Amino acid sequence: TEPLDQEPVASTAMSADDSLWIRRA
């Protein structure tokens, strides 16, 4: 039901773009 490679939730101090960029990496 859930993939093993869950994307971590980034800190709210980052911009949404930065957060998404780091989560994808």
mmCIF file of all heavy atoms, coordinates in Angstrom:
data_MODEL
# 
_entry.id   MODEL 
# 
loop_
_atom_site.group_PDB 
_atom_site.id 
_atom_site.type_symbol 
_atom_site.label_atom_id 
_atom_site.label_alt_id 
_atom_site.label_comp_id 
_atom_site.label_asym_id 
_atom_site.label_entity_id 
_atom_site.label_seq_id 
_atom_site.pdbx_PDB_ins_code 
_atom_site.Cartn_x 
_atom_site.Cartn_y 
_atom_site.Cartn_z 
_atom_site.occupancy 
_atom_site.B_iso_or_equiv 
_atom_site.pdbx_formal_charge 
_atom_site.auth_seq_id 
_atom_site.auth_comp_id 
_atom_site.auth_asym_id 
_atom_site.auth_atom_id 
_atom_site.pdbx_PDB_model_num 
ATOM 1   N N   . THR A 1 1  ? 0.817  -1.204 0.000  1.00 0.00 ? 1  THR A N   1 
ATOM 2   C CA  . THR A 1 1  ? 0.000  0.000  0.000  1.00 0.00 ? 1  THR A CA  1 
ATOM 3   C C   . THR A 1 1  ? 0.853  1.257  0.000  1.00 0.00 ? 1  THR A C   1 
ATOM 4   O O   . THR A 1 1  ? 0.364  2.323  -0.317 1.00 0.00 ? 1  THR A O   1 
ATOM 5   C CB  . THR A 1 1  ? -0.909 0.049  1.243  1.00 0.00 ? 1  THR A CB  1 
ATOM 6   O OG1 . THR A 1 1  ? -0.099 0.029  2.411  1.00 0.00 ? 1  THR A OG1 1 
ATOM 7   C CG2 . THR A 1 1  ? -1.892 -1.105 1.243  1.00 0.00 ? 1  THR A CG2 1 
ATOM 8   N N   . GLU A 1 2  ? 2.115  1.108  0.362  1.00 0.00 ? 2  GLU A N   1 
ATOM 9   C CA  . GLU A 1 2  ? 2.974  2.263  0.498  1.00 0.00 ? 2  GLU A CA  1 
ATOM 10  C C   . GLU A 1 2  ? 4.351  1.897  -0.038 1.00 0.00 ? 2  GLU A C   1 
ATOM 11  O O   . GLU A 1 2  ? 4.915  0.890  0.349  1.00 0.00 ? 2  GLU A O   1 
ATOM 12  C CB  . GLU A 1 2  ? 3.085  2.578  1.996  1.00 0.00 ? 2  GLU A CB  1 
ATOM 13  C CG  . GLU A 1 2  ? 3.255  3.992  2.348  1.00 0.00 ? 2  GLU A CG  1 
ATOM 14  C CD  . GLU A 1 2  ? 3.176  4.172  3.849  1.00 0.00 ? 2  GLU A CD  1 
ATOM 15  O OE1 . GLU A 1 2  ? 4.091  3.750  4.548  1.00 0.00 ? 2  GLU A OE1 1 
ATOM 16  O OE2 . GLU A 1 2  ? 2.183  4.733  4.307  1.00 0.00 ? 2  GLU A OE2 1 
ATOM 17  N N   . PRO A 1 3  ? 4.939  2.697  -0.925 1.00 0.00 ? 3  PRO A N   1 
ATOM 18  C CA  . PRO A 1 3  ? 6.270  2.364  -1.418 1.00 0.00 ? 3  PRO A CA  1 
ATOM 19  C C   . PRO A 1 3  ? 7.311  2.490  -0.312 1.00 0.00 ? 3  PRO A C   1 
ATOM 20  O O   . PRO A 1 3  ? 7.158  3.289  0.609  1.00 0.00 ? 3  PRO A O   1 
ATOM 21  C CB  . PRO A 1 3  ? 6.520  3.389  -2.523 1.00 0.00 ? 3  PRO A CB  1 
ATOM 22  C CG  . PRO A 1 3  ? 5.558  4.486  -2.258 1.00 0.00 ? 3  PRO A CG  1 
ATOM 23  C CD  . PRO A 1 3  ? 4.398  3.880  -1.521 1.00 0.00 ? 3  PRO A CD  1 
ATOM 24  N N   . LEU A 1 4  ? 8.369  1.687  -0.410 1.00 0.00 ? 4  LEU A N   1 
ATOM 25  C CA  . LEU A 1 4  ? 9.419  1.724  0.593  1.00 0.00 ? 4  LEU A CA  1 
ATOM 26  C C   . LEU A 1 4  ? 10.216 3.009  0.545  1.00 0.00 ? 4  LEU A C   1 
ATOM 27  O O   . LEU A 1 4  ? 10.798 3.423  1.525  1.00 0.00 ? 4  LEU A O   1 
ATOM 28  C CB  . LEU A 1 4  ? 10.385 0.537  0.390  1.00 0.00 ? 4  LEU A CB  1 
ATOM 29  C CG  . LEU A 1 4  ? 9.820  -0.814 0.771  1.00 0.00 ? 4  LEU A CG  1 
ATOM 30  C CD1 . LEU A 1 4  ? 10.832 -1.899 0.479  1.00 0.00 ? 4  LEU A CD1 1 
ATOM 31  C CD2 . LEU A 1 4  ? 9.444  -0.851 2.234  1.00 0.00 ? 4  LEU A CD2 1 
ATOM 32  N N   . ASP A 1 5  ? 10.275 3.629  -0.603 1.00 0.00 ? 5  ASP A N   1 
ATOM 33  C CA  . ASP A 1 5  ? 11.111 4.813  -0.726 1.00 0.00 ? 5  ASP A CA  1 
ATOM 34  C C   . ASP A 1 5  ? 10.301 6.083  -0.504 1.00 0.00 ? 5  ASP A C   1 
ATOM 35  O O   . ASP A 1 5  ? 10.236 6.955  -1.355 1.00 0.00 ? 5  ASP A O   1 
ATOM 36  C CB  . ASP A 1 5  ? 11.810 4.846  -2.075 1.00 0.00 ? 5  ASP A CB  1 
ATOM 37  C CG  . ASP A 1 5  ? 10.831 4.806  -3.241 1.00 0.00 ? 5  ASP A CG  1 
ATOM 38  O OD1 . ASP A 1 5  ? 9.644  4.499  -3.027 1.00 0.00 ? 5  ASP A OD1 1 
ATOM 39  O OD2 . ASP A 1 5  ? 11.253 5.087  -4.349 1.00 0.00 ? 5  ASP A OD2 1 
ATOM 40  N N   . GLN A 1 6  ? 9.698  6.186  0.656  1.00 0.00 ? 6  GLN A N   1 
ATOM 41  C CA  . GLN A 1 6  ? 8.926  7.372  0.987  1.00 0.00 ? 6  GLN A CA  1 
ATOM 42  C C   . GLN A 1 6  ? 9.837  8.587  0.948  1.00 0.00 ? 6  GLN A C   1 
ATOM 43  O O   . GLN A 1 6  ? 10.964 8.547  1.402  1.00 0.00 ? 6  GLN A O   1 
ATOM 44  C CB  . GLN A 1 6  ? 8.336  7.240  2.395  1.00 0.00 ? 6  GLN A CB  1 
ATOM 45  C CG  . GLN A 1 6  ? 7.214  6.278  2.474  1.00 0.00 ? 6  GLN A CG  1 
ATOM 46  C CD  . GLN A 1 6  ? 6.022  6.756  1.697  1.00 0.00 ? 6  GLN A CD  1 
ATOM 47  O OE1 . GLN A 1 6  ? 5.661  7.915  1.756  1.00 0.00 ? 6  GLN A OE1 1 
ATOM 48  N NE2 . GLN A 1 6  ? 5.413  5.881  0.944  1.00 0.00 ? 6  GLN A NE2 1 
ATOM 49  N N   . GLU A 1 7  ? 9.322  9.689  0.435  1.00 0.00 ? 7  GLU A N   1 
ATOM 50  C CA  . GLU A 1 7  ? 10.082 10.917 0.420  1.00 0.00 ? 7  GLU A CA  1 
ATOM 51  C C   . GLU A 1 7  ? 9.990  11.547 1.798  1.00 0.00 ? 7  GLU A C   1 
ATOM 52  O O   . GLU A 1 7  ? 8.909  11.716 2.343  1.00 0.00 ? 7  GLU A O   1 
ATOM 53  C CB  . GLU A 1 7  ? 9.523  11.881 -0.618 1.00 0.00 ? 7  GLU A CB  1 
ATOM 54  C CG  . GLU A 1 7  ? 9.701  11.392 -2.032 1.00 0.00 ? 7  GLU A CG  1 
ATOM 55  C CD  . GLU A 1 7  ? 9.142  12.369 -3.041 1.00 0.00 ? 7  GLU A CD  1 
ATOM 56  O OE1 . GLU A 1 7  ? 8.814  13.510 -2.668 1.00 0.00 ? 7  GLU A OE1 1 
ATOM 57  O OE2 . GLU A 1 7  ? 9.049  11.972 -4.198 1.00 0.00 ? 7  GLU A OE2 1 
ATOM 58  N N   . PRO A 1 8  ? 11.129 11.917 2.367  1.00 0.00 ? 8  PRO A N   1 
ATOM 59  C CA  . PRO A 1 8  ? 11.095 12.584 3.665  1.00 0.00 ? 8  PRO A CA  1 
ATOM 60  C C   . PRO A 1 8  ? 10.419 13.943 3.554  1.00 0.00 ? 8  PRO A C   1 
ATOM 61  O O   . PRO A 1 8  ? 10.461 14.582 2.510  1.00 0.00 ? 8  PRO A O   1 
ATOM 62  C CB  . PRO A 1 8  ? 12.577 12.763 4.022  1.00 0.00 ? 8  PRO A CB  1 
ATOM 63  C CG  . PRO A 1 8  ? 13.324 11.916 3.072  1.00 0.00 ? 8  PRO A CG  1 
ATOM 64  C CD  . PRO A 1 8  ? 12.454 11.678 1.883  1.00 0.00 ? 8  PRO A CD  1 
ATOM 65  N N   . VAL A 1 9  ? 9.817  14.359 4.634  1.00 0.00 ? 9  VAL A N   1 
ATOM 66  C CA  . VAL A 1 9  ? 9.194  15.667 4.661  1.00 0.00 ? 9  VAL A CA  1 
ATOM 67  C C   . VAL A 1 9  ? 10.264 16.658 5.073  1.00 0.00 ? 9  VAL A C   1 
ATOM 68  O O   . VAL A 1 9  ? 10.902 16.512 6.112  1.00 0.00 ? 9  VAL A O   1 
ATOM 69  C CB  . VAL A 1 9  ? 8.017  15.693 5.663  1.00 0.00 ? 9  VAL A CB  1 
ATOM 70  C CG1 . VAL A 1 9  ? 7.431  17.077 5.770  1.00 0.00 ? 9  VAL A CG1 1 
ATOM 71  C CG2 . VAL A 1 9  ? 6.979  14.682 5.235  1.00 0.00 ? 9  VAL A CG2 1 
ATOM 72  N N   . ALA A 1 10 ? 10.478 17.648 4.272  1.00 0.00 ? 10 ALA A N   1 
ATOM 73  C CA  . ALA A 1 10 ? 11.534 18.620 4.523  1.00 0.00 ? 10 ALA A CA  1 
ATOM 74  C C   . ALA A 1 10 ? 11.095 19.638 5.569  1.00 0.00 ? 10 ALA A C   1 
ATOM 75  O O   . ALA A 1 10 ? 9.915  19.799 5.856  1.00 0.00 ? 10 ALA A O   1 
ATOM 76  C CB  . ALA A 1 10 ? 11.897 19.326 3.227  1.00 0.00 ? 10 ALA A CB  1 
ATOM 77  N N   . SER A 1 11 ? 12.057 20.334 6.094  1.00 0.00 ? 11 SER A N   1 
ATOM 78  C CA  . SER A 1 11 ? 11.797 21.380 7.075  1.00 0.00 ? 11 SER A CA  1 
ATOM 79  C C   . SER A 1 11 ? 10.932 22.473 6.465  1.00 0.00 ? 11 SER A C   1 
ATOM 80  O O   . SER A 1 11 ? 11.053 22.805 5.297  1.00 0.00 ? 11 SER A O   1 
ATOM 81  C CB  . SER A 1 11 ? 13.133 21.964 7.534  1.00 0.00 ? 11 SER A CB  1 
ATOM 82  O OG  . SER A 1 11 ? 12.918 23.127 8.277  1.00 0.00 ? 11 SER A OG  1 
ATOM 83  N N   . THR A 1 12 ? 10.080 23.080 7.265  1.00 0.00 ? 12 THR A N   1 
ATOM 84  C CA  . THR A 1 12 ? 9.199  24.136 6.772  1.00 0.00 ? 12 THR A CA  1 
ATOM 85  C C   . THR A 1 12 ? 9.954  25.433 6.556  1.00 0.00 ? 12 THR A C   1 
ATOM 86  O O   . THR A 1 12 ? 9.403  26.368 5.993  1.00 0.00 ? 12 THR A O   1 
ATOM 87  C CB  . THR A 1 12 ? 8.037  24.373 7.751  1.00 0.00 ? 12 THR A CB  1 
ATOM 88  O OG1 . THR A 1 12 ? 8.587  24.686 9.036  1.00 0.00 ? 12 THR A OG1 1 
ATOM 89  C CG2 . THR A 1 12 ? 7.134  23.168 7.841  1.00 0.00 ? 12 THR A CG2 1 
ATOM 90  N N   . ALA A 1 13 ? 11.227 25.513 6.996  1.00 0.00 ? 13 ALA A N   1 
ATOM 91  C CA  . ALA A 1 13 ? 12.006 26.728 6.821  1.00 0.00 ? 13 ALA A CA  1 
ATOM 92  C C   . ALA A 1 13 ? 12.461 26.908 5.372  1.00 0.00 ? 13 ALA A C   1 
ATOM 93  O O   . ALA A 1 13 ? 12.849 27.986 4.974  1.00 0.00 ? 13 ALA A O   1 
ATOM 94  C CB  . ALA A 1 13 ? 13.215 26.705 7.751  1.00 0.00 ? 13 ALA A CB  1 
ATOM 95  N N   . MET A 1 14 ? 12.421 25.862 4.569  1.00 0.00 ? 14 MET A N   1 
ATOM 96  C CA  . MET A 1 14 ? 12.838 25.941 3.177  1.00 0.00 ? 14 MET A CA  1 
ATOM 97  C C   . MET A 1 14 ? 11.681 26.394 2.300  1.00 0.00 ? 14 MET A C   1 
ATOM 98  O O   . MET A 1 14 ? 10.525 26.201 2.641  1.00 0.00 ? 14 MET A O   1 
ATOM 99  C CB  . MET A 1 14 ? 13.268 24.559 2.680  1.00 0.00 ? 14 MET A CB  1 
ATOM 100 C CG  . MET A 1 14 ? 14.577 24.097 3.178  1.00 0.00 ? 14 MET A CG  1 
ATOM 101 S SD  . MET A 1 14 ? 14.971 22.573 2.321  1.00 0.00 ? 14 MET A SD  1 
ATOM 102 C CE  . MET A 1 14 ? 15.242 21.526 3.700  1.00 0.00 ? 14 MET A CE  1 
ATOM 103 N N   . SER A 1 15 ? 12.055 26.947 1.152  1.00 0.00 ? 15 SER A N   1 
ATOM 104 C CA  . SER A 1 15 ? 11.012 27.281 0.186  1.00 0.00 ? 15 SER A CA  1 
ATOM 105 C C   . SER A 1 15 ? 10.458 25.980 -0.379 1.00 0.00 ? 15 SER A C   1 
ATOM 106 O O   . SER A 1 15 ? 11.095 24.934 -0.305 1.00 0.00 ? 15 SER A O   1 
ATOM 107 C CB  . SER A 1 15 ? 11.582 28.142 -0.937 1.00 0.00 ? 15 SER A CB  1 
ATOM 108 O OG  . SER A 1 15 ? 12.373 27.350 -1.802 1.00 0.00 ? 15 SER A OG  1 
ATOM 109 N N   . ALA A 1 16 ? 9.293  26.050 -0.976 1.00 0.00 ? 16 ALA A N   1 
ATOM 110 C CA  . ALA A 1 16 ? 8.672  24.856 -1.555 1.00 0.00 ? 16 ALA A CA  1 
ATOM 111 C C   . ALA A 1 16 ? 9.532  24.288 -2.675 1.00 0.00 ? 16 ALA A C   1 
ATOM 112 O O   . ALA A 1 16 ? 9.669  23.071 -2.802 1.00 0.00 ? 16 ALA A O   1 
ATOM 113 C CB  . ALA A 1 16 ? 7.281  25.182 -2.063 1.00 0.00 ? 16 ALA A CB  1 
ATOM 114 N N   . ASP A 1 17 ? 10.141 25.145 -3.483 1.00 0.00 ? 17 ASP A N   1 
ATOM 115 C CA  . ASP A 1 17 ? 11.007 24.682 -4.573 1.00 0.00 ? 17 ASP A CA  1 
ATOM 116 C C   . ASP A 1 17 ? 12.226 23.943 -4.035 1.00 0.00 ? 17 ASP A C   1 
ATOM 117 O O   . ASP A 1 17 ? 12.585 22.873 -4.523 1.00 0.00 ? 17 ASP A O   1 
ATOM 118 C CB  . ASP A 1 17 ? 11.480 25.853 -5.442 1.00 0.00 ? 17 ASP A CB  1 
ATOM 119 C CG  . ASP A 1 17 ? 10.363 26.432 -6.299 1.00 0.00 ? 17 ASP A CG  1 
ATOM 120 O OD1 . ASP A 1 17 ? 9.329  25.751 -6.463 1.00 0.00 ? 17 ASP A OD1 1 
ATOM 121 O OD2 . ASP A 1 17 ? 10.535 27.566 -6.788 1.00 0.00 ? 17 ASP A OD2 1 
ATOM 122 N N   . ASP A 1 18 ? 12.866 24.528 -3.023 1.00 0.00 ? 18 ASP A N   1 
ATOM 123 C CA  . ASP A 1 18 ? 14.048 23.893 -2.432 1.00 0.00 ? 18 ASP A CA  1 
ATOM 124 C C   . ASP A 1 18 ? 13.680 22.555 -1.805 1.00 0.00 ? 18 ASP A C   1 
ATOM 125 O O   . ASP A 1 18 ? 14.397 21.570 -1.944 1.00 0.00 ? 18 ASP A O   1 
ATOM 126 C CB  . ASP A 1 18 ? 14.679 24.788 -1.364 1.00 0.00 ? 18 ASP A CB  1 
ATOM 127 C CG  . ASP A 1 18 ? 15.373 26.003 -1.955 1.00 0.00 ? 18 ASP A CG  1 
ATOM 128 O OD1 . ASP A 1 18 ? 15.669 25.986 -3.176 1.00 0.00 ? 18 ASP A OD1 1 
ATOM 129 O OD2 . ASP A 1 18 ? 15.626 26.954 -1.200 1.00 0.00 ? 18 ASP A OD2 1 
ATOM 130 N N   . SER A 1 19 ? 12.558 22.548 -1.106 1.00 0.00 ? 19 SER A N   1 
ATOM 131 C CA  . SER A 1 19 ? 12.104 21.339 -0.450 1.00 0.00 ? 19 SER A CA  1 
ATOM 132 C C   . SER A 1 19 ? 11.864 20.225 -1.466 1.00 0.00 ? 19 SER A C   1 
ATOM 133 O O   . SER A 1 19 ? 12.316 19.090 -1.283 1.00 0.00 ? 19 SER A O   1 
ATOM 134 C CB  . SER A 1 19 ? 10.824 21.629 0.324  1.00 0.00 ? 19 SER A CB  1 
ATOM 135 O OG  . SER A 1 19 ? 10.296 20.454 0.867  1.00 0.00 ? 19 SER A OG  1 
ATOM 136 N N   . LEU A 1 20 ? 11.179 20.545 -2.531 1.00 0.00 ? 20 LEU A N   1 
ATOM 137 C CA  . LEU A 1 20 ? 10.890 19.561 -3.571 1.00 0.00 ? 20 LEU A CA  1 
ATOM 138 C C   . LEU A 1 20 ? 12.166 19.078 -4.242 1.00 0.00 ? 20 LEU A C   1 
ATOM 139 O O   . LEU A 1 20 ? 12.334 17.887 -4.498 1.00 0.00 ? 20 LEU A O   1 
ATOM 140 C CB  . LEU A 1 20 ? 9.930  20.154 -4.605 1.00 0.00 ? 20 LEU A CB  1 
ATOM 141 C CG  . LEU A 1 20 ? 9.442  19.219 -5.700 1.00 0.00 ? 20 LEU A CG  1 
ATOM 142 C CD1 . LEU A 1 20 ? 8.729  18.013 -5.102 1.00 0.00 ? 20 LEU A CD1 1 
ATOM 143 C CD2 . LEU A 1 20 ? 8.507  19.961 -6.642 1.00 0.00 ? 20 LEU A CD2 1 
ATOM 144 N N   . TRP A 1 21 ? 13.074 19.979 -4.510 1.00 0.00 ? 21 TRP A N   1 
ATOM 145 C CA  . TRP A 1 21 ? 14.355 19.656 -5.137 1.00 0.00 ? 21 TRP A CA  1 
ATOM 146 C C   . TRP A 1 21 ? 15.141 18.667 -4.279 1.00 0.00 ? 21 TRP A C   1 
ATOM 147 O O   . TRP A 1 21 ? 15.638 17.658 -4.763 1.00 0.00 ? 21 TRP A O   1 
ATOM 148 C CB  . TRP A 1 21 ? 15.118 20.961 -5.348 1.00 0.00 ? 21 TRP A CB  1 
ATOM 149 C CG  . TRP A 1 21 ? 16.433 20.856 -6.039 1.00 0.00 ? 21 TRP A CG  1 
ATOM 150 C CD1 . TRP A 1 21 ? 16.695 20.267 -7.239 1.00 0.00 ? 21 TRP A CD1 1 
ATOM 151 C CD2 . TRP A 1 21 ? 17.671 21.377 -5.570 1.00 0.00 ? 21 TRP A CD2 1 
ATOM 152 N NE1 . TRP A 1 21 ? 18.022 20.394 -7.550 1.00 0.00 ? 21 TRP A NE1 1 
ATOM 153 C CE2 . TRP A 1 21 ? 18.646 21.082 -6.541 1.00 0.00 ? 21 TRP A CE2 1 
ATOM 154 C CE3 . TRP A 1 21 ? 18.050 22.075 -4.430 1.00 0.00 ? 21 TRP A CE3 1 
ATOM 155 C CZ2 . TRP A 1 21 ? 19.973 21.454 -6.398 1.00 0.00 ? 21 TRP A CZ2 1 
ATOM 156 C CZ3 . TRP A 1 21 ? 19.377 22.453 -4.303 1.00 0.00 ? 21 TRP A CZ3 1 
ATOM 157 C CH2 . TRP A 1 21 ? 20.316 22.136 -5.278 1.00 0.00 ? 21 TRP A CH2 1 
ATOM 158 N N   . ILE A 1 22 ? 15.213 18.935 -2.972 1.00 0.00 ? 22 ILE A N   1 
ATOM 159 C CA  . ILE A 1 22 ? 15.954 18.064 -2.063 1.00 0.00 ? 22 ILE A CA  1 
ATOM 160 C C   . ILE A 1 22 ? 15.228 16.734 -1.878 1.00 0.00 ? 22 ILE A C   1 
ATOM 161 O O   . ILE A 1 22 ? 15.849 15.670 -1.861 1.00 0.00 ? 22 ILE A O   1 
ATOM 162 C CB  . ILE A 1 22 ? 16.197 18.772 -0.715 1.00 0.00 ? 22 ILE A CB  1 
ATOM 163 C CG1 . ILE A 1 22 ? 17.187 19.922 -0.933 1.00 0.00 ? 22 ILE A CG1 1 
ATOM 164 C CG2 . ILE A 1 22 ? 16.710 17.798 0.338  1.00 0.00 ? 22 ILE A CG2 1 
ATOM 165 C CD1 . ILE A 1 22 ? 17.356 20.839 0.242  1.00 0.00 ? 22 ILE A CD1 1 
ATOM 166 N N   . ARG A 1 23 ? 13.911 16.761 -1.759 1.00 0.00 ? 23 ARG A N   1 
ATOM 167 C CA  . ARG A 1 23 ? 13.144 15.522 -1.596 1.00 0.00 ? 23 ARG A CA  1 
ATOM 168 C C   . ARG A 1 23 ? 13.339 14.590 -2.793 1.00 0.00 ? 23 ARG A C   1 
ATOM 169 O O   . ARG A 1 23 ? 13.479 13.382 -2.635 1.00 0.00 ? 23 ARG A O   1 
ATOM 170 C CB  . ARG A 1 23 ? 11.665 15.834 -1.397 1.00 0.00 ? 23 ARG A CB  1 
ATOM 171 C CG  . ARG A 1 23 ? 11.400 16.475 -0.035 1.00 0.00 ? 23 ARG A CG  1 
ATOM 172 C CD  . ARG A 1 23 ? 10.038 17.066 0.050  1.00 0.00 ? 23 ARG A CD  1 
ATOM 173 N NE  . ARG A 1 23 ? 9.025  16.041 0.186  1.00 0.00 ? 23 ARG A NE  1 
ATOM 174 C CZ  . ARG A 1 23 ? 7.740  16.299 0.164  1.00 0.00 ? 23 ARG A CZ  1 
ATOM 175 N NH1 . ARG A 1 23 ? 7.302  17.522 0.015  1.00 0.00 ? 23 ARG A NH1 1 
ATOM 176 N NH2 . ARG A 1 23 ? 6.869  15.322 0.310  1.00 0.00 ? 23 ARG A NH2 1 
ATOM 177 N N   . ARG A 1 24 ? 13.324 15.164 -3.989 1.00 0.00 ? 24 ARG A N   1 
ATOM 178 C CA  . ARG A 1 24 ? 13.538 14.344 -5.185 1.00 0.00 ? 24 ARG A CA  1 
ATOM 179 C C   . ARG A 1 24 ? 14.935 13.739 -5.198 1.00 0.00 ? 24 ARG A C   1 
ATOM 180 O O   . ARG A 1 24 ? 15.109 12.581 -5.561 1.00 0.00 ? 24 ARG A O   1 
ATOM 181 C CB  . ARG A 1 24 ? 13.318 15.178 -6.441 1.00 0.00 ? 24 ARG A CB  1 
ATOM 182 C CG  . ARG A 1 24 ? 11.870 15.466 -6.723 1.00 0.00 ? 24 ARG A CG  1 
ATOM 183 C CD  . ARG A 1 24 ? 11.714 16.292 -7.976 1.00 0.00 ? 24 ARG A CD  1 
ATOM 184 N NE  . ARG A 1 24 ? 10.313 16.545 -8.259 1.00 0.00 ? 24 ARG A NE  1 
ATOM 185 C CZ  . ARG A 1 24 ? 9.891  17.508 -9.029 1.00 0.00 ? 24 ARG A CZ  1 
ATOM 186 N NH1 . ARG A 1 24 ? 10.742 18.331 -9.624 1.00 0.00 ? 24 ARG A NH1 1 
ATOM 187 N NH2 . ARG A 1 24 ? 8.599  17.676 -9.239 1.00 0.00 ? 24 ARG A NH2 1 
ATOM 188 N N   . ALA A 1 25 ? 15.923 14.521 -4.818 1.00 0.00 ? 25 ALA A N   1 
ATOM 189 C CA  . ALA A 1 25 ? 17.292 14.015 -4.781 1.00 0.00 ? 25 ALA A CA  1 
ATOM 190 C C   . ALA A 1 25 ? 17.437 12.919 -3.719 1.00 0.00 ? 25 ALA A C   1 
ATOM 191 O O   . ALA A 1 25 ? 18.061 11.884 -3.968 1.00 0.00 ? 25 ALA A O   1 
ATOM 192 C CB  . ALA A 1 25 ? 18.274 15.154 -4.508 1.00 0.00 ? 25 ALA A CB  1 
# 
